[in-house]
Amino acid sequence: MKNFLSVFFKSINNKQKDKLREEFENEKQRYIAELEKKDISFLLNNIDSSAYFSNLVVKKRRVLRSYGSEDNISYYIRDQIRNLKKLEFKNELISFLTQKEYSDKKDDIYWCLSSLCGNTNNKEIYYFLMKKLDVEVNYKIQILQGLWKFHKTIDYDINPIKNIVINGKYYERLAAIEALNNSDHPEIHNFLLEEFKSSGDDFMLKILGVIWKTSTKETIPILEKGKRKSRNRYLRMQIEELIDNIKSRK
């Protein structure tokens, strides 16, 4: 009898937990839909908020013993910014850069503009950001952050990005290498291959992602040298995978 009751109450408890998980997921989807209607100033002003997105968070933590970044509204706001596509925000974001009210939000504003540029392939935003890349001292990473999505056809100027790869600080260079993704410029392959020869693990790994599709059998000797130089197991595996990929191409 005791075992039966134990199983019975455990079954009820599991059903209650499953119901709570379903309610939590529904509440999450409701909040995401609600967030779609918010203006850009709301996103900027709440980007670092630790507030819960729902009252269900407290119950979820107590009953399910479940904790995570998805409990906070900032988690969903950051996801919204990464996927930003509303071009009607463009002029407002640019105007924020010169407003005293948003002087401490320039990094987030540039991130929004960069994401918007990459997600919409907007030429005006791209050239605006290229000009800023040359003059801004502190926000180069944020300016570059979303540009890996932007399709850089042969007629787009990519020299400001290449200059950061050569002359930028450590994390700026990493961001610039990634920003050279999705480009039709044929010189990028050899440009990055030269960087690959003298770079450490982090840079080699970033470069692999950009030159993956443009690599040929002539690239293999340089990749093999990089593999011998590195002691990073993951990087070595990625180099091996690219070499195998090249060899299997027709």
C-alpha atoms as a PDB file:
ATOM      1  CA  MET A   1       0.000   0.000   0.000  1.00  0.00           C
ATOM      2  CA  LYS A   2       2.833   2.330   0.927  1.00  0.00           C
ATOM      3  CA  ASN A   3       4.563   1.794  -2.416  1.00  0.00           C
ATOM      4  CA  PHE A   4       1.288   2.359  -4.268  1.00  0.00           C
ATOM      5  CA  LEU A   5       0.724   5.706  -2.505  1.00  0.00           C
ATOM      6  CA  SER A   6       4.296   6.728  -3.180  1.00  0.00           C
ATOM      7  CA  VAL A   7       3.922   6.042  -6.898  1.00  0.00           C
ATOM      8  CA  PHE A   8       0.500   7.720  -6.924  1.00  0.00           C
ATOM      9  CA  PHE A   9       1.684  10.963  -5.334  1.00  0.00           C
ATOM     10  CA  LYS A  10       4.823  10.970  -7.454  1.00  0.00           C
ATOM     11  CA  SER A  11       2.640  10.701 -10.560  1.00  0.00           C
ATOM     12  CA  ILE A  12       0.509  13.638  -9.422  1.00  0.00           C
ATOM     13  CA  ASN A  13       3.625  15.657  -8.638  1.00  0.00           C
ATOM     14  CA  ASN A  14       5.093  14.977 -12.092  1.00  0.00           C
ATOM     15  CA  LYS A  15       1.838  16.012 -13.765  1.00  0.00           C
ATOM     16  CA  GLN A  16       1.858  19.273 -11.801  1.00  0.00           C
ATOM     17  CA  LYS A  17       5.442  19.918 -12.855  1.00  0.00           C
ATOM     18  CA  ASP A  18       4.629  19.175 -16.492  1.00  0.00           C
ATOM     19  CA  LYS A  19       1.691  21.569 -16.294  1.00  0.00           C
ATOM     20  CA  LEU A  20       3.948  24.249 -14.808  1.00  0.00           C
ATOM     21  CA  ARG A  21       6.514  23.744 -17.576  1.00  0.00           C
ATOM     22  CA  GLU A  22       3.756  24.147 -20.171  1.00  0.00           C
ATOM     23  CA  GLU A  23       2.447  27.281 -18.467  1.00  0.00           C
ATOM     24  CA  PHE A  24       5.968  28.684 -18.312  1.00  0.00           C
ATOM     25  CA  GLU A  25       6.529  28.026 -22.022  1.00  0.00           C
ATOM     26  CA  ASN A  26       3.199  29.671 -22.907  1.00  0.00           C
ATOM     27  CA  GLU A  27       4.078  32.678 -20.766  1.00  0.00           C
ATOM     28  CA  LYS A  28       7.471  32.892 -22.456  1.00  0.00           C
ATOM     29  CA  GLN A  29       5.904  32.904 -25.932  1.00  0.00           C
ATOM     30  CA  ARG A  30       3.404  35.534 -24.790  1.00  0.00           C
ATOM     31  CA  TYR A  31       6.217  37.784 -23.605  1.00  0.00           C
ATOM     32  CA  ILE A  32       8.194  37.330 -26.834  1.00  0.00           C
ATOM     33  CA  ALA A  33       5.107  38.379 -28.834  1.00  0.00           C
ATOM     34  CA  GLU A  34       4.628  41.353 -26.519  1.00  0.00           C
ATOM     35  CA  LEU A  35       8.256  42.365 -26.927  1.00  0.00           C
ATOM     36  CA  GLU A  36       7.809  42.524 -30.707  1.00  0.00           C
ATOM     37  CA  LYS A  37       5.529  45.530 -30.188  1.00  0.00           C
ATOM     38  CA  LYS A  38       7.996  47.500 -28.046  1.00  0.00           C
ATOM     39  CA  ASP A  39       9.908  50.483 -29.409  1.00  0.00           C
ATOM     40  CA  ILE A  40      13.688  50.676 -29.601  1.00  0.00           C
ATOM     41  CA  SER A  41      14.001  52.908 -26.538  1.00  0.00           C
ATOM     42  CA  PHE A  42      12.377  50.186 -24.409  1.00  0.00           C
ATOM     43  CA  LEU A  43      14.876  47.622 -25.675  1.00  0.00           C
ATOM     44  CA  LEU A  44      17.837  49.908 -24.958  1.00  0.00           C
ATOM     45  CA  ASN A  45      16.643  50.921 -21.507  1.00  0.00           C
ATOM     46  CA  ASN A  46      16.038  47.320 -20.406  1.00  0.00           C
ATOM     47  CA  ILE A  47      18.906  45.507 -22.088  1.00  0.00           C
ATOM     48  CA  ASP A  48      20.651  44.829 -18.771  1.00  0.00           C
ATOM     49  CA  SER A  49      17.561  44.415 -16.618  1.00  0.00           C
ATOM     50  CA  SER A  50      17.530  41.531 -14.139  1.00  0.00           C
ATOM     51  CA  ALA A  51      13.745  41.760 -13.736  1.00  0.00           C
ATOM     52  CA  TYR A  52      11.753  38.558 -14.297  1.00  0.00           C
ATOM     53  CA  PHE A  53       9.691  38.450 -17.465  1.00  0.00           C
ATOM     54  CA  SER A  54       6.829  36.733 -15.616  1.00  0.00           C
ATOM     55  CA  ASN A  55       5.513  36.082 -12.109  1.00  0.00           C
ATOM     56  CA  LEU A  56       5.714  32.370 -12.972  1.00  0.00           C
ATOM     57  CA  VAL A  57       9.502  32.521 -12.633  1.00  0.00           C
ATOM     58  CA  VAL A  58       9.304  32.487  -8.839  1.00  0.00           C
ATOM     59  CA  LYS A  59       7.011  29.446  -8.848  1.00  0.00           C
ATOM     60  CA  LYS A  60       9.160  27.674 -11.448  1.00  0.00           C
ATOM     61  CA  ARG A  61      12.286  28.176  -9.349  1.00  0.00           C
ATOM     62  CA  ARG A  62      10.566  26.968  -6.195  1.00  0.00           C
ATOM     63  CA  VAL A  63       8.810  23.917  -7.654  1.00  0.00           C
ATOM     64  CA  LEU A  64      11.187  22.838 -10.435  1.00  0.00           C
ATOM     65  CA  ARG A  65      14.419  24.052  -8.859  1.00  0.00           C
ATOM     66  CA  SER A  66      15.164  25.483 -12.275  1.00  0.00           C
ATOM     67  CA  TYR A  67      17.248  28.638 -12.740  1.00  0.00           C
ATOM     68  CA  GLY A  68      18.495  30.247 -15.939  1.00  0.00           C
ATOM     69  CA  SER A  69      19.187  33.435 -17.876  1.00  0.00           C
ATOM     70  CA  GLU A  70      15.866  32.945 -19.680  1.00  0.00           C
ATOM     71  CA  ASP A  71      14.114  33.988 -16.460  1.00  0.00           C
ATOM     72  CA  ASN A  72      15.096  37.636 -17.033  1.00  0.00           C
ATOM     73  CA  ILE A  73      13.673  40.075 -19.575  1.00  0.00           C
ATOM     74  CA  SER A  74      17.222  40.974 -20.703  1.00  0.00           C
ATOM     75  CA  TYR A  75      17.579  37.464 -22.189  1.00  0.00           C
ATOM     76  CA  TYR A  76      14.687  38.081 -24.589  1.00  0.00           C
ATOM     77  CA  ILE A  77      15.660  41.681 -25.309  1.00  0.00           C
ATOM     78  CA  ARG A  78      19.162  40.620 -26.347  1.00  0.00           C
ATOM     79  CA  ASP A  79      17.698  37.942 -28.582  1.00  0.00           C
ATOM     80  CA  GLN A  80      15.398  40.571 -30.083  1.00  0.00           C
ATOM     81  CA  ILE A  81      18.368  42.818 -30.827  1.00  0.00           C
ATOM     82  CA  ARG A  82      20.385  39.993 -32.410  1.00  0.00           C
ATOM     83  CA  ASN A  83      17.471  39.449 -34.810  1.00  0.00           C
ATOM     84  CA  LEU A  84      16.473  43.103 -35.245  1.00  0.00           C
ATOM     85  CA  LYS A  85      14.831  43.790 -38.627  1.00  0.00           C
ATOM     86  CA  LYS A  86      12.722  46.903 -38.107  1.00  0.00           C
ATOM     87  CA  LEU A  87      14.258  49.517 -40.391  1.00  0.00           C
ATOM     88  CA  GLU A  88      11.942  52.118 -38.902  1.00  0.00           C
ATOM     89  CA  PHE A  89      14.319  52.090 -35.915  1.00  0.00           C
ATOM     90  CA  LYS A  90      17.293  53.187 -38.044  1.00  0.00           C
ATOM     91  CA  ASN A  91      16.991  56.980 -37.884  1.00  0.00           C
ATOM     92  CA  GLU A  92      16.025  56.923 -34.232  1.00  0.00           C
ATOM     93  CA  LEU A  93      19.060  54.834 -33.320  1.00  0.00           C
ATOM     94  CA  ILE A  94      21.393  57.148 -35.242  1.00  0.00           C
ATOM     95  CA  SER A  95      19.892  60.172 -33.497  1.00  0.00           C
ATOM     96  CA  PHE A  96      20.417  58.508 -30.094  1.00  0.00           C
ATOM     97  CA  LEU A  97      24.185  58.568 -30.693  1.00  0.00           C
ATOM     98  CA  THR A  98      24.218  62.343 -30.236  1.00  0.00           C
ATOM     99  CA  GLN A  99      21.669  62.570 -27.418  1.00  0.00           C
ATOM    100  CA  LYS A 100      22.943  63.119 -23.898  1.00  0.00           C
ATOM    101  CA  GLU A 101      20.204  60.851 -22.528  1.00  0.00           C
ATOM    102  CA  TYR A 102      21.800  57.894 -24.320  1.00  0.00           C
ATOM    103  CA  SER A 103      25.458  58.815 -23.877  1.00  0.00           C
ATOM    104  CA  ASP A 104      26.052  55.716 -21.735  1.00  0.00           C
ATOM    105  CA  LYS A 105      24.292  53.464 -24.266  1.00  0.00           C
ATOM    106  CA  LYS A 106      26.510  53.976 -27.315  1.00  0.00           C
ATOM    107  CA  ASP A 107      27.823  50.412 -27.231  1.00  0.00           C
ATOM    108  CA  ASP A 108      24.272  49.024 -27.269  1.00  0.00           C
ATOM    109  CA  ILE A 109      23.160  51.507 -29.946  1.00  0.00           C
ATOM    110  CA  TYR A 110      25.982  50.429 -32.235  1.00  0.00           C
ATOM    111  CA  TRP A 111      25.132  46.787 -31.579  1.00  0.00           C
ATOM    112  CA  CYS A 112      21.505  47.489 -32.573  1.00  0.00           C
ATOM    113  CA  LEU A 113      22.603  49.260 -35.756  1.00  0.00           C
ATOM    114  CA  SER A 114      25.037  46.486 -36.637  1.00  0.00           C
ATOM    115  CA  SER A 115      22.390  43.791 -36.114  1.00  0.00           C
ATOM    116  CA  LEU A 116      19.859  45.799 -38.110  1.00  0.00           C
ATOM    117  CA  CYS A 117      22.400  46.182 -40.916  1.00  0.00           C
ATOM    118  CA  GLY A 118      23.200  42.480 -41.037  1.00  0.00           C
ATOM    119  CA  ASN A 119      19.610  41.298 -40.775  1.00  0.00           C
ATOM    120  CA  THR A 120      18.242  43.669 -43.432  1.00  0.00           C
ATOM    121  CA  ASN A 121      21.307  43.995 -45.696  1.00  0.00           C
ATOM    122  CA  ASN A 122      20.853  47.760 -45.561  1.00  0.00           C
ATOM    123  CA  LYS A 123      23.454  49.682 -47.571  1.00  0.00           C
ATOM    124  CA  GLU A 124      22.965  53.020 -45.804  1.00  0.00           C
ATOM    125  CA  ILE A 125      23.563  51.558 -42.363  1.00  0.00           C
ATOM    126  CA  TYR A 126      26.623  49.674 -43.640  1.00  0.00           C
ATOM    127  CA  TYR A 127      28.357  52.787 -44.920  1.00  0.00           C
ATOM    128  CA  PHE A 128      27.344  54.739 -41.836  1.00  0.00           C
ATOM    129  CA  LEU A 129      29.016  52.062 -39.694  1.00  0.00           C
ATOM    130  CA  MET A 130      32.115  51.974 -41.919  1.00  0.00           C
ATOM    131  CA  LYS A 131      32.609  55.711 -41.330  1.00  0.00           C
ATOM    132  CA  LYS A 132      32.155  55.235 -37.595  1.00  0.00           C
ATOM    133  CA  LEU A 133      34.602  52.325 -37.605  1.00  0.00           C
ATOM    134  CA  ASP A 134      37.335  54.727 -38.675  1.00  0.00           C
ATOM    135  CA  VAL A 135      36.623  57.339 -35.992  1.00  0.00           C
ATOM    136  CA  GLU A 136      35.198  55.531 -32.966  1.00  0.00           C
ATOM    137  CA  VAL A 137      37.870  54.433 -30.518  1.00  0.00           C
ATOM    138  CA  ASN A 138      35.825  52.443 -28.020  1.00  0.00           C
ATOM    139  CA  TYR A 139      33.009  50.766 -29.963  1.00  0.00           C
ATOM    140  CA  LYS A 140      34.627  48.921 -32.847  1.00  0.00           C
ATOM    141  CA  ILE A 141      33.558  45.473 -31.631  1.00  0.00           C
ATOM    142  CA  GLN A 142      29.905  46.529 -31.330  1.00  0.00           C
ATOM    143  CA  ILE A 143      30.015  48.139 -34.792  1.00  0.00           C
ATOM    144  CA  LEU A 144      31.363  44.914 -36.293  1.00  0.00           C
ATOM    145  CA  GLN A 145      29.238  42.484 -34.295  1.00  0.00           C
ATOM    146  CA  GLY A 146      26.371  41.936 -36.724  1.00  0.00           C
ATOM    147  CA  LEU A 147      28.172  42.536 -40.009  1.00  0.00           C
ATOM    148  CA  TRP A 148      29.026  38.871 -40.597  1.00  0.00           C
ATOM    149  CA  LYS A 149      25.447  38.519 -41.895  1.00  0.00           C
ATOM    150  CA  PHE A 150      25.700  41.472 -44.282  1.00  0.00           C
ATOM    151  CA  HIS A 151      26.259  40.369 -47.885  1.00  0.00           C
ATOM    152  CA  LYS A 152      29.336  42.292 -48.956  1.00  0.00           C
ATOM    153  CA  THR A 153      29.247  42.211 -52.747  1.00  0.00           C
ATOM    154  CA  ILE A 154      32.316  43.243 -54.735  1.00  0.00           C
ATOM    155  CA  ASP A 155      31.190  46.887 -54.911  1.00  0.00           C
ATOM    156  CA  TYR A 156      31.182  47.358 -51.119  1.00  0.00           C
ATOM    157  CA  ASP A 157      34.229  48.881 -49.455  1.00  0.00           C
ATOM    158  CA  ILE A 158      35.617  46.442 -46.874  1.00  0.00           C
ATOM    159  CA  ASN A 159      38.926  48.229 -46.253  1.00  0.00           C
ATOM    160  CA  PRO A 160      37.864  49.635 -42.854  1.00  0.00           C
ATOM    161  CA  ILE A 161      37.238  46.047 -41.679  1.00  0.00           C
ATOM    162  CA  LYS A 162      40.534  44.791 -43.116  1.00  0.00           C
ATOM    163  CA  ASN A 163      42.364  47.622 -41.365  1.00  0.00           C
ATOM    164  CA  ILE A 164      40.990  46.425 -38.024  1.00  0.00           C
ATOM    165  CA  VAL A 165      42.171  42.873 -38.776  1.00  0.00           C
ATOM    166  CA  ILE A 166      45.692  44.263 -39.241  1.00  0.00           C
ATOM    167  CA  ASN A 167      45.840  47.065 -36.679  1.00  0.00           C
ATOM    168  CA  GLY A 168      43.074  46.443 -34.174  1.00  0.00           C
ATOM    169  CA  LYS A 169      43.287  45.252 -30.599  1.00  0.00           C
ATOM    170  CA  TYR A 170      42.893  41.548 -29.796  1.00  0.00           C
ATOM    171  CA  TYR A 171      39.080  41.280 -29.602  1.00  0.00           C
ATOM    172  CA  GLU A 172      38.578  43.926 -32.277  1.00  0.00           C
ATOM    173  CA  ARG A 173      40.638  41.821 -34.685  1.00  0.00           C
ATOM    174  CA  LEU A 174      38.582  38.718 -33.878  1.00  0.00           C
ATOM    175  CA  ALA A 175      35.356  40.656 -34.510  1.00  0.00           C
ATOM    176  CA  ALA A 176      36.729  42.044 -37.788  1.00  0.00           C
ATOM    177  CA  ILE A 177      37.734  38.600 -39.065  1.00  0.00           C
ATOM    178  CA  GLU A 178      34.228  37.316 -38.365  1.00  0.00           C
ATOM    179  CA  ALA A 179      32.736  40.408 -40.058  1.00  0.00           C
ATOM    180  CA  LEU A 180      34.480  39.417 -43.310  1.00  0.00           C
ATOM    181  CA  ASN A 181      32.103  36.466 -43.611  1.00  0.00           C
ATOM    182  CA  ASN A 182      29.504  36.516 -46.392  1.00  0.00           C
ATOM    183  CA  SER A 183      31.717  38.489 -48.767  1.00  0.00           C
ATOM    184  CA  ASP A 184      32.237  38.198 -52.522  1.00  0.00           C
ATOM    185  CA  HIS A 185      35.652  39.896 -52.425  1.00  0.00           C
ATOM    186  CA  PRO A 186      38.120  37.369 -53.871  1.00  0.00           C
ATOM    187  CA  GLU A 187      41.157  38.880 -52.117  1.00  0.00           C
ATOM    188  CA  ILE A 188      39.806  38.042 -48.662  1.00  0.00           C
ATOM    189  CA  HIS A 189      40.930  34.421 -48.893  1.00  0.00           C
ATOM    190  CA  ASN A 190      44.618  35.187 -49.430  1.00  0.00           C
ATOM    191  CA  PHE A 191      44.457  38.153 -47.066  1.00  0.00           C
ATOM    192  CA  LEU A 192      43.246  35.947 -44.224  1.00  0.00           C
ATOM    193  CA  LEU A 193      45.496  33.075 -45.200  1.00  0.00           C
ATOM    194  CA  GLU A 194      48.488  35.344 -44.593  1.00  0.00           C
ATOM    195  CA  GLU A 195      47.066  36.157 -41.160  1.00  0.00           C
ATOM    196  CA  PHE A 196      46.539  32.449 -40.534  1.00  0.00           C
ATOM    197  CA  LYS A 197      50.253  31.748 -41.022  1.00  0.00           C
ATOM    198  CA  SER A 198      51.323  33.979 -38.144  1.00  0.00           C
ATOM    199  CA  SER A 199      48.284  33.778 -35.859  1.00  0.00           C
ATOM    200  CA  GLY A 200      47.496  31.974 -32.619  1.00  0.00           C
ATOM    201  CA  ASP A 201      44.692  29.494 -32.011  1.00  0.00           C
ATOM    202  CA  ASP A 202      41.806  31.950 -31.537  1.00  0.00           C
ATOM    203  CA  PHE A 203      42.559  33.786 -34.759  1.00  0.00           C
ATOM    204  CA  MET A 204      43.173  30.617 -36.768  1.00  0.00           C
ATOM    205  CA  LEU A 205      39.801  29.268 -35.650  1.00  0.00           C
ATOM    206  CA  LYS A 206      37.995  32.464 -36.680  1.00  0.00           C
ATOM    207  CA  ILE A 207      39.790  32.535 -40.010  1.00  0.00           C
ATOM    208  CA  LEU A 208      38.804  28.931 -40.755  1.00  0.00           C
ATOM    209  CA  GLY A 209      35.151  29.892 -40.623  1.00  0.00           C
ATOM    210  CA  VAL A 210      35.634  32.648 -43.211  1.00  0.00           C
ATOM    211  CA  ILE A 211      37.854  30.776 -45.681  1.00  0.00           C
ATOM    212  CA  TRP A 212      36.034  27.439 -45.438  1.00  0.00           C
ATOM    213  CA  LYS A 213      34.177  27.705 -48.742  1.00  0.00           C
ATOM    214  CA  THR A 214      36.968  29.443 -50.678  1.00  0.00           C
ATOM    215  CA  SER A 215      39.757  27.050 -49.648  1.00  0.00           C
ATOM    216  CA  THR A 216      41.283  24.855 -52.341  1.00  0.00           C
ATOM    217  CA  LYS A 217      43.950  22.156 -52.528  1.00  0.00           C
ATOM    218  CA  GLU A 218      46.556  24.947 -52.614  1.00  0.00           C
ATOM    219  CA  THR A 219      45.363  25.961 -49.141  1.00  0.00           C
ATOM    220  CA  ILE A 220      46.078  22.550 -47.599  1.00  0.00           C
ATOM    221  CA  PRO A 221      49.848  22.945 -46.940  1.00  0.00           C
ATOM    222  CA  ILE A 222      49.210  26.135 -44.959  1.00  0.00           C
ATOM    223  CA  LEU A 223      46.405  24.460 -43.013  1.00  0.00           C
ATOM    224  CA  GLU A 224      48.673  21.518 -42.205  1.00  0.00           C
ATOM    225  CA  LYS A 225      51.376  23.854 -40.881  1.00  0.00           C
ATOM    226  CA  GLY A 226      48.781  25.518 -38.670  1.00  0.00           C
ATOM    227  CA  LYS A 227      47.677  22.137 -37.367  1.00  0.00           C
ATOM    228  CA  ARG A 228      51.247  21.141 -36.494  1.00  0.00           C
ATOM    229  CA  LYS A 229      51.799  24.477 -34.733  1.00  0.00           C
ATOM    230  CA  SER A 230      48.678  24.269 -32.547  1.00  0.00           C
ATOM    231  CA  ARG A 231      48.102  22.161 -29.435  1.00  0.00           C
ATOM    232  CA  ASN A 232      44.404  23.035 -29.349  1.00  0.00           C
ATOM    233  CA  ARG A 233      42.517  19.784 -29.928  1.00  0.00           C
ATOM    234  CA  TYR A 234      39.333  21.429 -31.213  1.00  0.00           C
ATOM    235  CA  LEU A 235      41.244  23.640 -33.659  1.00  0.00           C
ATOM    236  CA  ARG A 236      43.231  20.676 -34.952  1.00  0.00           C
ATOM    237  CA  MET A 237      39.971  18.755 -35.496  1.00  0.00           C
ATOM    238  CA  GLN A 238      38.489  21.701 -37.402  1.00  0.00           C
ATOM    239  CA  ILE A 239      41.569  21.950 -39.614  1.00  0.00           C
ATOM    240  CA  GLU A 240      41.389  18.210 -40.321  1.00  0.00           C
ATOM    241  CA  GLU A 241      37.696  18.536 -41.167  1.00  0.00           C
ATOM    242  CA  LEU A 242      38.367  21.377 -43.608  1.00  0.00           C
ATOM    243  CA  ILE A 243      41.210  19.463 -45.265  1.00  0.00           C
ATOM    244  CA  ASP A 244      38.966  16.402 -45.659  1.00  0.00           C
ATOM    245  CA  ASN A 245      36.223  18.655 -47.015  1.00  0.00           C
ATOM    246  CA  ILE A 246      38.574  20.174 -49.614  1.00  0.00           C
ATOM    247  CA  LYS A 247      39.811  16.738 -50.725  1.00  0.00           C
ATOM    248  CA  SER A 248      36.253  15.474 -51.191  1.00  0.00           C
ATOM    249  CA  ARG A 249      35.191  18.375 -53.404  1.00  0.00           C
ATOM    250  CA  LYS A 250      34.785  17.710 -57.119  1.00  0.00           C
END
